[in-house]
N, C-alpha and C. Protein backbone atom coordinates (compact mmCIF):
# COMPACT_ATOMS: atom_id res chain seq x y z
N UNK A 1 4.49 46.56 -15.15
CA UNK A 1 4.91 45.37 -14.43
C UNK A 1 3.79 44.98 -13.46
N UNK A 2 3.44 43.70 -13.44
CA UNK A 2 2.38 43.22 -12.56
C UNK A 2 2.93 42.94 -11.17
N UNK A 3 2.09 43.14 -10.20
CA UNK A 3 2.44 42.85 -8.81
C UNK A 3 2.65 41.34 -8.66
N UNK A 4 3.53 40.93 -7.75
CA UNK A 4 3.84 39.51 -7.54
C UNK A 4 2.60 38.72 -7.15
N UNK A 5 1.71 39.33 -6.36
CA UNK A 5 0.48 38.65 -5.95
C UNK A 5 -0.38 38.32 -7.17
N UNK A 6 -0.50 39.23 -8.08
CA UNK A 6 -1.32 39.01 -9.28
C UNK A 6 -0.71 37.91 -10.13
N UNK A 7 0.62 37.91 -10.27
CA UNK A 7 1.28 36.87 -11.05
C UNK A 7 1.05 35.50 -10.41
N UNK A 8 1.16 35.41 -9.09
CA UNK A 8 0.93 34.14 -8.40
C UNK A 8 -0.52 33.69 -8.55
N UNK A 9 -1.47 34.60 -8.52
CA UNK A 9 -2.88 34.26 -8.71
C UNK A 9 -3.11 33.71 -10.11
N UNK A 10 -2.50 34.31 -11.10
CA UNK A 10 -2.65 33.84 -12.49
C UNK A 10 -2.06 32.44 -12.61
N UNK A 11 -0.89 32.21 -12.01
CA UNK A 11 -0.26 30.88 -12.06
C UNK A 11 -1.15 29.86 -11.36
N UNK A 12 -1.73 30.23 -10.20
CA UNK A 12 -2.59 29.32 -9.46
C UNK A 12 -3.81 28.94 -10.28
N UNK A 13 -4.41 29.93 -10.95
CA UNK A 13 -5.59 29.67 -11.77
C UNK A 13 -5.24 28.76 -12.94
N UNK A 14 -4.07 28.96 -13.53
CA UNK A 14 -3.65 28.11 -14.64
C UNK A 14 -3.41 26.67 -14.17
N UNK A 15 -2.82 26.50 -12.97
CA UNK A 15 -2.61 25.16 -12.43
C UNK A 15 -3.95 24.47 -12.16
N UNK A 16 -4.90 25.21 -11.60
CA UNK A 16 -6.22 24.64 -11.33
C UNK A 16 -6.91 24.23 -12.62
N UNK A 17 -6.80 25.06 -13.62
CA UNK A 17 -7.42 24.76 -14.91
C UNK A 17 -6.77 23.51 -15.51
N UNK A 18 -5.45 23.39 -15.40
CA UNK A 18 -4.75 22.23 -15.94
C UNK A 18 -5.12 20.98 -15.15
N UNK A 19 -5.31 21.13 -13.85
CA UNK A 19 -5.67 19.98 -13.01
C UNK A 19 -7.07 19.49 -13.35
N UNK A 20 -7.96 20.38 -13.75
CA UNK A 20 -9.32 19.99 -14.10
C UNK A 20 -9.34 19.16 -15.38
N UNK A 21 -8.35 19.35 -16.25
CA UNK A 21 -8.32 18.64 -17.52
C UNK A 21 -7.75 17.23 -17.39
N UNK A 22 -7.02 16.95 -16.30
CA UNK A 22 -6.40 15.64 -16.11
C UNK A 22 -7.45 14.62 -15.66
N UNK A 23 -7.35 13.39 -16.17
CA UNK A 23 -8.29 12.36 -15.71
C UNK A 23 -7.97 11.96 -14.27
N UNK A 24 -9.01 11.56 -13.56
CA UNK A 24 -8.87 11.16 -12.17
C UNK A 24 -9.03 9.66 -12.09
N UNK A 25 -8.10 9.01 -11.42
CA UNK A 25 -8.14 7.56 -11.25
C UNK A 25 -8.74 7.26 -9.88
N UNK A 26 -9.80 6.46 -9.87
CA UNK A 26 -10.43 6.05 -8.63
C UNK A 26 -9.89 4.68 -8.24
N UNK A 27 -9.26 4.59 -7.08
CA UNK A 27 -8.73 3.32 -6.60
C UNK A 27 -9.74 2.64 -5.70
N UNK A 28 -9.88 1.33 -5.84
CA UNK A 28 -10.79 0.61 -4.95
C UNK A 28 -10.16 0.52 -3.56
N UNK A 29 -10.83 1.07 -2.58
CA UNK A 29 -10.34 1.06 -1.21
C UNK A 29 -11.31 0.23 -0.38
N UNK A 30 -10.80 -0.84 0.25
CA UNK A 30 -11.70 -1.67 1.06
C UNK A 30 -12.15 -0.93 2.32
N UNK A 31 -13.32 -1.31 2.79
CA UNK A 31 -13.85 -0.71 4.01
C UNK A 31 -13.00 -1.15 5.19
N UNK A 32 -12.73 -0.27 6.13
CA UNK A 32 -11.95 -0.68 7.31
C UNK A 32 -12.77 -1.66 8.15
N UNK A 33 -12.08 -2.60 8.81
CA UNK A 33 -12.83 -3.57 9.62
C UNK A 33 -13.47 -2.88 10.82
N UNK A 34 -14.58 -3.44 11.26
CA UNK A 34 -15.29 -2.88 12.41
C UNK A 34 -14.42 -3.05 13.65
N UNK A 35 -14.40 -2.07 14.53
CA UNK A 35 -13.58 -2.20 15.74
C UNK A 35 -14.13 -3.29 16.65
N UNK A 36 -13.20 -4.06 17.22
CA UNK A 36 -13.60 -5.13 18.13
C UNK A 36 -14.01 -4.53 19.46
N UNK A 37 -15.09 -5.06 20.03
CA UNK A 37 -15.58 -4.56 21.31
C UNK A 37 -15.08 -5.50 22.41
N UNK A 38 -14.39 -4.95 23.39
CA UNK A 38 -13.87 -5.74 24.50
C UNK A 38 -14.79 -5.59 25.70
N UNK A 39 -14.91 -6.66 26.47
CA UNK A 39 -15.77 -6.63 27.64
C UNK A 39 -15.24 -5.71 28.74
N UNK A 40 -13.92 -5.46 28.76
CA UNK A 40 -13.36 -4.62 29.81
C UNK A 40 -13.51 -3.13 29.53
N UNK A 41 -14.06 -2.76 28.36
CA UNK A 41 -14.30 -1.34 28.06
C UNK A 41 -15.42 -0.82 28.93
N UNK A 42 -15.19 0.34 29.50
CA UNK A 42 -16.24 0.97 30.30
C UNK A 42 -17.18 1.73 29.38
N UNK A 43 -18.47 1.64 29.61
CA UNK A 43 -19.40 2.39 28.76
C UNK A 43 -19.20 3.89 28.95
N UNK A 44 -19.20 4.61 27.85
CA UNK A 44 -19.12 6.06 27.92
C UNK A 44 -17.71 6.61 28.05
N UNK A 45 -16.68 5.73 27.94
CA UNK A 45 -15.32 6.25 28.10
C UNK A 45 -14.77 6.84 26.81
N UNK A 46 -15.53 6.82 25.74
CA UNK A 46 -15.08 7.40 24.48
C UNK A 46 -14.34 6.39 23.62
N UNK A 47 -13.63 5.48 24.23
CA UNK A 47 -12.97 4.40 23.53
C UNK A 47 -12.00 4.86 22.45
N UNK A 48 -11.00 4.08 22.21
CA UNK A 48 -10.09 4.31 21.11
C UNK A 48 -9.07 5.41 21.33
N UNK A 49 -9.27 6.28 22.29
CA UNK A 49 -8.33 7.37 22.51
C UNK A 49 -7.30 6.99 23.56
N UNK A 50 -6.24 7.71 23.59
CA UNK A 50 -5.23 7.43 24.58
C UNK A 50 -4.43 8.68 24.88
N UNK A 51 -3.70 8.64 25.98
CA UNK A 51 -2.88 9.77 26.38
C UNK A 51 -1.46 9.27 26.60
N UNK A 52 -0.50 9.98 26.07
CA UNK A 52 0.90 9.67 26.30
C UNK A 52 1.52 10.84 27.01
N UNK A 53 2.15 10.56 28.17
CA UNK A 53 2.80 11.60 28.95
C UNK A 53 4.30 11.38 28.86
N UNK A 54 5.02 12.38 28.41
CA UNK A 54 6.47 12.30 28.30
C UNK A 54 7.06 13.27 29.32
N UNK A 55 7.84 12.73 30.25
CA UNK A 55 8.44 13.54 31.29
C UNK A 55 9.89 13.80 30.93
N UNK A 56 10.20 15.03 30.51
CA UNK A 56 11.55 15.40 30.14
C UNK A 56 12.39 15.83 31.34
N UNK A 57 11.77 15.98 32.49
CA UNK A 57 12.49 16.48 33.68
C UNK A 57 13.38 15.40 34.29
N UNK A 58 13.15 14.13 33.98
CA UNK A 58 13.78 13.01 34.62
C UNK A 58 15.23 12.89 34.47
């Protein structure tokens, strides 16, 4: 009797081998638009990030 780990490895290898045989469809994905630059942005602030603070004590 084979160990469960060995059986899972064999199954994983078979799935990978089957996945290699399937054709891959490439979808056309448009480029994302360039981010708009606002005059009120401070230089060097990293931009685009944000912080959300949730106070559960209230």
